[in-house]
């Protein structure tokens, strides 16, 4: 038996249950016995019933859309975060509106306003560049999760999930010192990004605890992209003498740095060691393969959406006691150091 444009009433009649029971089976808001659930699902499949999302939205006062903002979708790090976010959203019957800002604060704020005006149920902002005071304005208006960025403000209404940026950077410094390096440079991201400062802090602490001064370290700031890594590495190699170890604060900039050093005829790691951060998929494919710090990218997106949906469902038993989750990062040693 197959119906064209089957309705919820058709399902209820064929399954010999009420429309409320059918609705509860679909929405999972209220308990329905396994026997009735099985019967209703069987009829839904038989008559090819497609629930109306508009009708469902009106009934439960949800749109089943989530807003997701990333700085650069071409960066494999953020692409993997999006994949993790989508895996949970689709499982929970939510759709994601994705916005790429290219790291532009004005585009970021415009995206937030647009999401709010289009009544998305909640927002996830990945590595936002906006000032905390500007972000905080949205926290009380809509369920909000920030991924890949800590906050300095206290008593905020958003949830945070990010990886530890300090511990593994500390371990990287120790590794490079063990390899005999005594002069260091950073190819950093934007100066205002808090994770940039955390990574530098962790590395510097590793140097200090080994008796090295951070004052002689070379720090060059720029965007997280290949071109910036190549250009800033050229500047580092113009120094006489140049540092023997470079910590690029993302794999995509480390890739640019690697190619810059090779273009100058340097052998890696014999003439200069290079390490990255993120452990994106191509880092092990580079020549030489890249020493880096692994961040749980897919997990970051997955957890962010899980938290947001729990907030939306008001599942208090599923929410964390504190609204900050810090994931483990891990030093991955390869041939570039």
Protein backbone atom coordinates (compact mmCIF):
# COMPACT_ATOMS: atom_id res chain seq x y z
CA UNK A 1 0.00 0.00 0.00
CA UNK A 2 1.38 3.39 -1.00
CA UNK A 3 -0.16 6.84 -0.66
CA UNK A 4 0.62 10.00 -2.57
CA UNK A 5 1.04 12.97 -0.22
CA UNK A 6 0.26 10.79 2.81
CA UNK A 7 -0.66 12.67 5.96
CA UNK A 8 -0.20 11.96 9.65
CA UNK A 9 -3.92 11.04 9.77
CA UNK A 10 -3.31 8.36 7.14
CA UNK A 11 -0.52 6.89 9.27
CA UNK A 12 -2.68 6.96 12.41
CA UNK A 13 -5.60 5.27 10.65
CA UNK A 14 -3.46 2.54 9.07
CA UNK A 15 -1.63 1.87 12.37
CA UNK A 16 -4.87 2.09 14.40
CA UNK A 17 -3.41 4.68 16.77
CA UNK A 18 -4.01 8.37 17.47
CA UNK A 19 -2.25 11.17 15.55
CA UNK A 20 -0.65 12.16 18.88
CA UNK A 21 0.99 8.73 19.10
CA UNK A 22 2.35 9.06 15.56
CA UNK A 23 3.66 12.52 16.40
CA UNK A 24 5.37 11.23 19.55
CA UNK A 25 7.01 8.37 17.64
CA UNK A 26 8.41 10.86 15.12
CA UNK A 27 9.48 13.55 17.58
CA UNK A 28 10.58 11.21 20.42
CA UNK A 29 9.39 13.89 22.84
CA UNK A 30 7.13 11.51 24.79
CA UNK A 31 7.44 7.80 25.52
CA UNK A 32 5.71 5.35 23.20
CA UNK A 33 5.85 1.61 23.85
CA UNK A 34 8.20 -0.42 21.64
CA UNK A 35 5.23 -2.35 20.21
CA UNK A 36 3.38 0.80 19.06
CA UNK A 37 6.61 2.43 17.86
CA UNK A 38 7.37 -0.57 15.68
CA UNK A 39 3.81 -0.59 14.27
CA UNK A 40 3.85 3.13 13.47
CA UNK A 41 7.28 3.01 11.84
CA UNK A 42 6.20 0.06 9.71
CA UNK A 43 3.18 2.01 8.41
CA UNK A 44 5.30 5.12 7.81
CA UNK A 45 7.57 3.05 5.61
CA UNK A 46 4.71 1.28 3.83
CA UNK A 47 2.83 4.41 2.82
CA UNK A 48 5.98 6.50 2.32
CA UNK A 49 4.92 9.19 4.78
CA UNK A 50 7.15 12.28 4.88
CA UNK A 51 6.63 14.43 7.99
CA UNK A 52 6.14 18.13 7.32
CA UNK A 53 9.05 20.01 8.84
CA UNK A 54 7.06 23.24 8.73
CA UNK A 55 4.18 21.70 10.66
CA UNK A 56 6.56 20.13 13.15
CA UNK A 57 8.40 23.44 13.59
CA UNK A 58 5.17 25.27 14.37
CA UNK A 59 4.07 22.63 16.83
CA UNK A 60 7.27 22.43 18.88
CA UNK A 61 8.39 26.04 18.28
CA UNK A 62 11.66 24.97 16.65
CA UNK A 63 13.03 25.41 13.14
CA UNK A 64 15.44 22.46 13.34
CA UNK A 65 18.18 24.61 11.86
CA UNK A 66 21.53 25.36 13.53
CA UNK A 67 23.88 28.17 12.54
CA UNK A 68 27.57 27.22 12.20
CA UNK A 69 30.29 29.82 11.63
CA UNK A 70 33.88 29.00 10.64
CA UNK A 71 36.76 31.35 9.75
CA UNK A 72 37.99 29.45 6.67
CA UNK A 73 36.25 26.41 5.18
CA UNK A 74 39.25 25.77 2.88
CA UNK A 75 41.42 25.07 5.94
CA UNK A 76 41.25 21.28 6.53
CA UNK A 77 41.07 21.87 10.28
CA UNK A 78 37.74 23.67 10.05
CA UNK A 79 36.43 21.33 7.35
CA UNK A 80 36.89 18.41 9.75
CA UNK A 81 35.13 20.31 12.56
CA UNK A 82 32.18 20.87 10.20
CA UNK A 83 32.06 17.15 9.34
CA UNK A 84 31.87 16.27 13.03
CA UNK A 85 29.13 18.85 13.61
CA UNK A 86 27.07 17.61 10.67
CA UNK A 87 27.32 13.97 11.76
CA UNK A 88 25.41 14.74 14.96
CA UNK A 89 23.05 17.32 13.48
CA UNK A 90 21.83 14.94 10.77
CA UNK A 91 21.41 12.11 13.26
CA UNK A 92 19.20 14.38 15.37
CA UNK A 93 17.23 15.62 12.33
CA UNK A 94 18.74 19.10 12.33
CA UNK A 95 20.06 20.94 9.29
CA UNK A 96 23.10 23.22 9.44
CA UNK A 97 23.40 26.69 7.93
CA UNK A 98 27.12 27.13 7.30
CA UNK A 99 28.81 30.51 7.07
CA UNK A 100 32.46 31.14 6.16
CA UNK A 101 33.87 34.49 7.35
CA UNK A 102 37.46 34.42 6.03
CA UNK A 103 38.46 35.55 9.52
CA UNK A 104 36.64 38.87 9.04
CA UNK A 105 35.01 40.20 12.22
CA UNK A 106 32.36 42.21 10.32
CA UNK A 107 31.30 39.14 8.31
CA UNK A 108 31.20 37.15 11.53
CA UNK A 109 28.86 39.63 13.18
CA UNK A 110 26.73 39.84 10.04
CA UNK A 111 26.38 36.05 10.06
CA UNK A 112 25.30 36.06 13.71
CA UNK A 113 22.64 38.69 13.01
CA UNK A 114 21.42 36.76 9.98
CA UNK A 115 21.16 33.50 11.95
CA UNK A 116 19.25 35.28 14.69
CA UNK A 117 16.86 36.93 12.22
CA UNK A 118 16.22 33.60 10.47
CA UNK A 119 15.31 32.01 13.83
CA UNK A 120 17.87 29.22 13.90
CA UNK A 121 17.47 27.21 17.09
CA UNK A 122 21.07 27.69 18.18
CA UNK A 123 24.50 28.85 17.05
CA UNK A 124 27.99 27.34 17.06
CA UNK A 125 30.82 29.75 16.38
CA UNK A 126 34.19 28.12 15.68
CA UNK A 127 37.28 30.15 16.64
CA UNK A 128 35.41 33.48 16.57
CA UNK A 129 37.45 36.66 16.14
CA UNK A 130 34.88 39.02 17.66
CA UNK A 131 35.58 40.71 20.97
CA UNK A 132 34.16 38.91 23.96
CA UNK A 133 31.86 41.79 24.88
CA UNK A 134 30.34 41.72 21.38
CA UNK A 135 29.88 37.94 21.48
CA UNK A 136 28.33 38.08 24.93
CA UNK A 137 25.38 40.11 23.59
CA UNK A 138 24.11 36.99 21.81
CA UNK A 139 24.55 34.56 24.70
CA UNK A 140 21.33 35.58 26.48
CA UNK A 141 19.29 35.71 23.26
CA UNK A 142 19.96 32.29 21.76
CA UNK A 143 21.59 28.98 22.78
CA UNK A 144 25.27 29.45 21.92
CA UNK A 145 28.34 27.21 21.80
CA UNK A 146 31.86 28.44 21.10
CA UNK A 147 34.28 25.86 19.71
CA UNK A 148 38.06 26.15 19.53
CA UNK A 149 38.32 29.25 21.69
CA UNK A 150 38.48 29.87 25.44
CA UNK A 151 37.09 33.07 26.99
CA UNK A 152 38.56 35.44 29.54
CA UNK A 153 35.20 36.73 30.80
CA UNK A 154 33.47 35.05 33.74
CA UNK A 155 29.86 33.96 34.32
CA UNK A 156 29.02 33.73 30.62
CA UNK A 157 25.90 31.96 29.30
CA UNK A 158 27.55 30.15 26.39
CA UNK A 159 29.14 26.69 26.40
CA UNK A 160 32.76 26.22 25.37
CA UNK A 161 34.61 23.28 23.89
CA UNK A 162 38.25 23.50 22.84
CA UNK A 163 41.51 21.55 22.91
CA UNK A 164 44.36 22.15 25.33
CA UNK A 165 46.72 24.48 23.46
CA UNK A 166 49.36 24.71 26.20
CA UNK A 167 50.37 21.19 27.24
CA UNK A 168 51.39 19.88 23.81
CA UNK A 169 53.15 23.11 22.86
CA UNK A 170 55.17 22.68 26.05
CA UNK A 171 56.03 19.10 25.00
CA UNK A 172 57.09 20.31 21.54
CA UNK A 173 59.56 22.78 23.07
CA UNK A 174 61.03 20.00 25.19
CA UNK A 175 61.35 17.76 22.12
CA UNK A 176 63.19 20.40 20.09
CA UNK A 177 65.57 21.14 22.95
CA UNK A 178 66.29 17.42 23.26
CA UNK A 179 67.18 17.47 19.55
CA UNK A 180 69.83 20.09 20.30
CA UNK A 181 68.08 23.29 19.14
CA UNK A 182 68.83 26.54 20.93
CA UNK A 183 67.26 29.23 18.73
CA UNK A 184 63.56 29.34 17.89
CA UNK A 185 61.00 31.19 15.81
CA UNK A 186 57.19 31.21 15.67
CA UNK A 187 55.07 31.65 12.58
CA UNK A 188 52.00 32.68 14.50
CA UNK A 189 48.42 33.36 13.51
CA UNK A 190 46.61 36.65 14.13
CA UNK A 191 47.86 38.38 17.27
CA UNK A 192 44.33 38.81 18.70
CA UNK A 193 43.47 35.07 18.57
CA UNK A 194 43.64 33.74 22.12
CA UNK A 195 44.71 30.25 21.01
CA UNK A 196 47.76 31.80 19.35
CA UNK A 197 48.81 33.26 22.69
CA UNK A 198 48.12 29.96 24.48
CA UNK A 199 50.33 28.02 22.04
CA UNK A 200 53.17 30.52 22.37
CA UNK A 201 52.79 30.52 26.15
CA UNK A 202 53.03 26.72 26.33
CA UNK A 203 56.11 26.64 24.10
CA UNK A 204 57.81 29.44 26.05
CA UNK A 205 57.11 27.69 29.33
CA UNK A 206 58.81 24.58 27.95
CA UNK A 207 61.85 26.70 27.07
CA UNK A 208 61.93 28.43 30.45
CA UNK A 209 61.68 25.17 32.37
CA UNK A 210 64.71 23.98 30.39
CA UNK A 211 66.73 27.08 31.21
CA UNK A 212 66.22 28.93 27.89
CA UNK A 213 65.23 32.57 27.56
CA UNK A 214 62.19 33.48 25.46
CA UNK A 215 63.50 36.99 24.78
CA UNK A 216 65.54 35.96 21.75
CA UNK A 217 62.66 34.10 20.11
CA UNK A 218 61.45 35.48 16.78
CA UNK A 219 57.66 35.91 16.57
CA UNK A 220 55.99 36.82 13.26
CA UNK A 221 52.20 37.23 13.14
CA UNK A 222 49.87 36.72 10.18
CA UNK A 223 46.89 34.73 8.91
CA UNK A 224 46.62 30.95 9.07
CA UNK A 225 47.29 30.14 5.41
CA UNK A 226 49.94 28.65 3.12
CA UNK A 227 50.98 31.98 1.58
CA UNK A 228 51.62 33.51 4.98
CA UNK A 229 53.72 30.53 6.06
CA UNK A 230 55.86 30.77 2.92
CA UNK A 231 56.32 34.54 3.18
CA UNK A 232 57.15 34.65 6.89
CA UNK A 233 59.56 31.73 6.59
CA UNK A 234 61.43 33.71 3.94
CA UNK A 235 61.81 36.52 6.48
CA UNK A 236 63.06 34.11 9.13
CA UNK A 237 65.66 32.66 6.74
CA UNK A 238 66.98 36.18 6.00
CA UNK A 239 68.14 36.47 9.62
CA UNK A 240 71.86 35.95 10.20
CA UNK A 241 72.10 33.48 11.78
CA UNK A 242 68.56 32.21 11.38
CA UNK A 243 66.80 30.14 14.08
CA UNK A 244 67.28 26.40 13.74
CA UNK A 245 63.73 25.43 14.80
CA UNK A 246 60.41 26.94 13.70
CA UNK A 247 57.03 26.39 15.35
CA UNK A 248 54.27 27.25 12.87
CA UNK A 249 51.04 27.55 14.81
CA UNK A 250 48.94 25.72 12.20
CA UNK A 251 49.75 22.92 9.76
CA UNK A 252 48.72 24.98 6.75
CA UNK A 253 51.29 27.68 7.62
CA UNK A 254 53.85 24.98 8.45
CA UNK A 255 53.36 23.62 4.94
CA UNK A 256 54.20 27.03 3.47
CA UNK A 257 57.23 27.27 5.76
CA UNK A 258 58.39 23.82 4.69
CA UNK A 259 58.24 24.70 0.99
CA UNK A 260 60.00 28.03 1.60
CA UNK A 261 62.92 26.29 3.31
CA UNK A 262 63.14 23.67 0.55
CA UNK A 263 63.13 26.44 -2.10
CA UNK A 264 66.18 27.93 -0.36
CA UNK A 265 67.99 24.61 -0.67
CA UNK A 266 67.83 23.76 3.03
CA UNK A 267 67.60 20.21 4.28
CA UNK A 268 64.86 19.50 6.81
CA UNK A 269 65.39 18.78 9.67
CA UNK A 270 69.23 18.85 9.35
CA UNK A 271 69.44 22.58 8.54
CA UNK A 272 66.18 23.70 10.13
CA UNK A 273 63.38 21.89 11.99
CA UNK A 274 59.74 22.78 11.36
CA UNK A 275 56.67 21.79 13.38
CA UNK A 276 52.99 22.59 12.97
CA UNK A 277 49.75 22.44 14.95
CA UNK A 278 46.42 20.66 14.18
CA UNK A 279 47.50 17.36 12.55
CA UNK A 280 45.31 17.82 9.46
CA UNK A 281 45.16 14.99 6.95
CA UNK A 282 47.98 16.21 4.68
CA UNK A 283 50.55 16.72 7.44
CA UNK A 284 51.76 13.10 7.20
CA UNK A 285 51.89 13.31 3.38
CA UNK A 286 54.30 16.26 3.17
CA UNK A 287 57.96 15.75 2.33
CA UNK A 288 59.29 15.43 4.94
CA UNK A 289 56.26 14.40 6.98
CA UNK A 290 55.31 17.09 9.49
CA UNK A 291 55.81 16.95 13.25
CA UNK A 292 52.64 18.50 14.63
CA UNK A 293 50.17 18.64 17.50
CA UNK A 294 46.99 16.65 17.07
CA UNK A 295 43.70 18.34 17.88
CA UNK A 296 40.50 16.22 17.97
CA UNK A 297 38.87 18.20 15.16
CA UNK A 298 35.98 15.89 14.31
CA UNK A 299 35.29 15.38 17.99
CA UNK A 300 35.29 19.14 18.52
CA UNK A 301 32.42 19.61 16.06
CA UNK A 302 30.57 16.55 17.30
CA UNK A 303 30.68 17.60 20.94
CA UNK A 304 29.70 21.19 20.12
CA UNK A 305 26.48 20.08 18.42
CA UNK A 306 25.72 17.51 21.10
CA UNK A 307 25.95 20.22 23.76
CA UNK A 308 23.78 22.59 21.73
CA UNK A 309 21.03 20.05 21.11
CA UNK A 310 20.98 19.06 24.78
CA UNK A 311 20.54 22.71 25.66
CA UNK A 312 17.71 23.00 23.14
CA UNK A 313 15.97 19.93 24.52
CA UNK A 314 16.44 21.22 28.05
CA UNK A 315 17.94 17.89 29.05
CA UNK A 316 19.42 19.03 32.35
CA UNK A 317 20.73 15.60 33.17
CA UNK A 318 22.80 15.71 29.97
CA UNK A 319 24.40 19.09 30.56
CA UNK A 320 27.80 19.42 32.13
CA UNK A 321 28.15 20.90 35.62
CA UNK A 322 30.46 23.51 34.13
CA UNK A 323 30.04 25.04 30.71
CA UNK A 324 33.62 24.47 29.55
CA UNK A 325 35.02 21.25 28.06
CA UNK A 326 38.75 20.99 27.39
CA UNK A 327 39.85 18.19 25.06
CA UNK A 328 43.27 16.56 25.03
CA UNK A 329 45.83 17.43 22.36
CA UNK A 330 48.82 15.23 21.53
CA UNK A 331 52.33 15.75 20.12
CA UNK A 332 52.85 13.74 16.91
CA UNK A 333 56.55 13.23 16.04
CA UNK A 334 57.46 12.89 12.36
CA UNK A 335 60.43 13.57 10.07
CA UNK A 336 60.40 17.40 9.94
CA UNK A 337 62.04 17.65 13.38
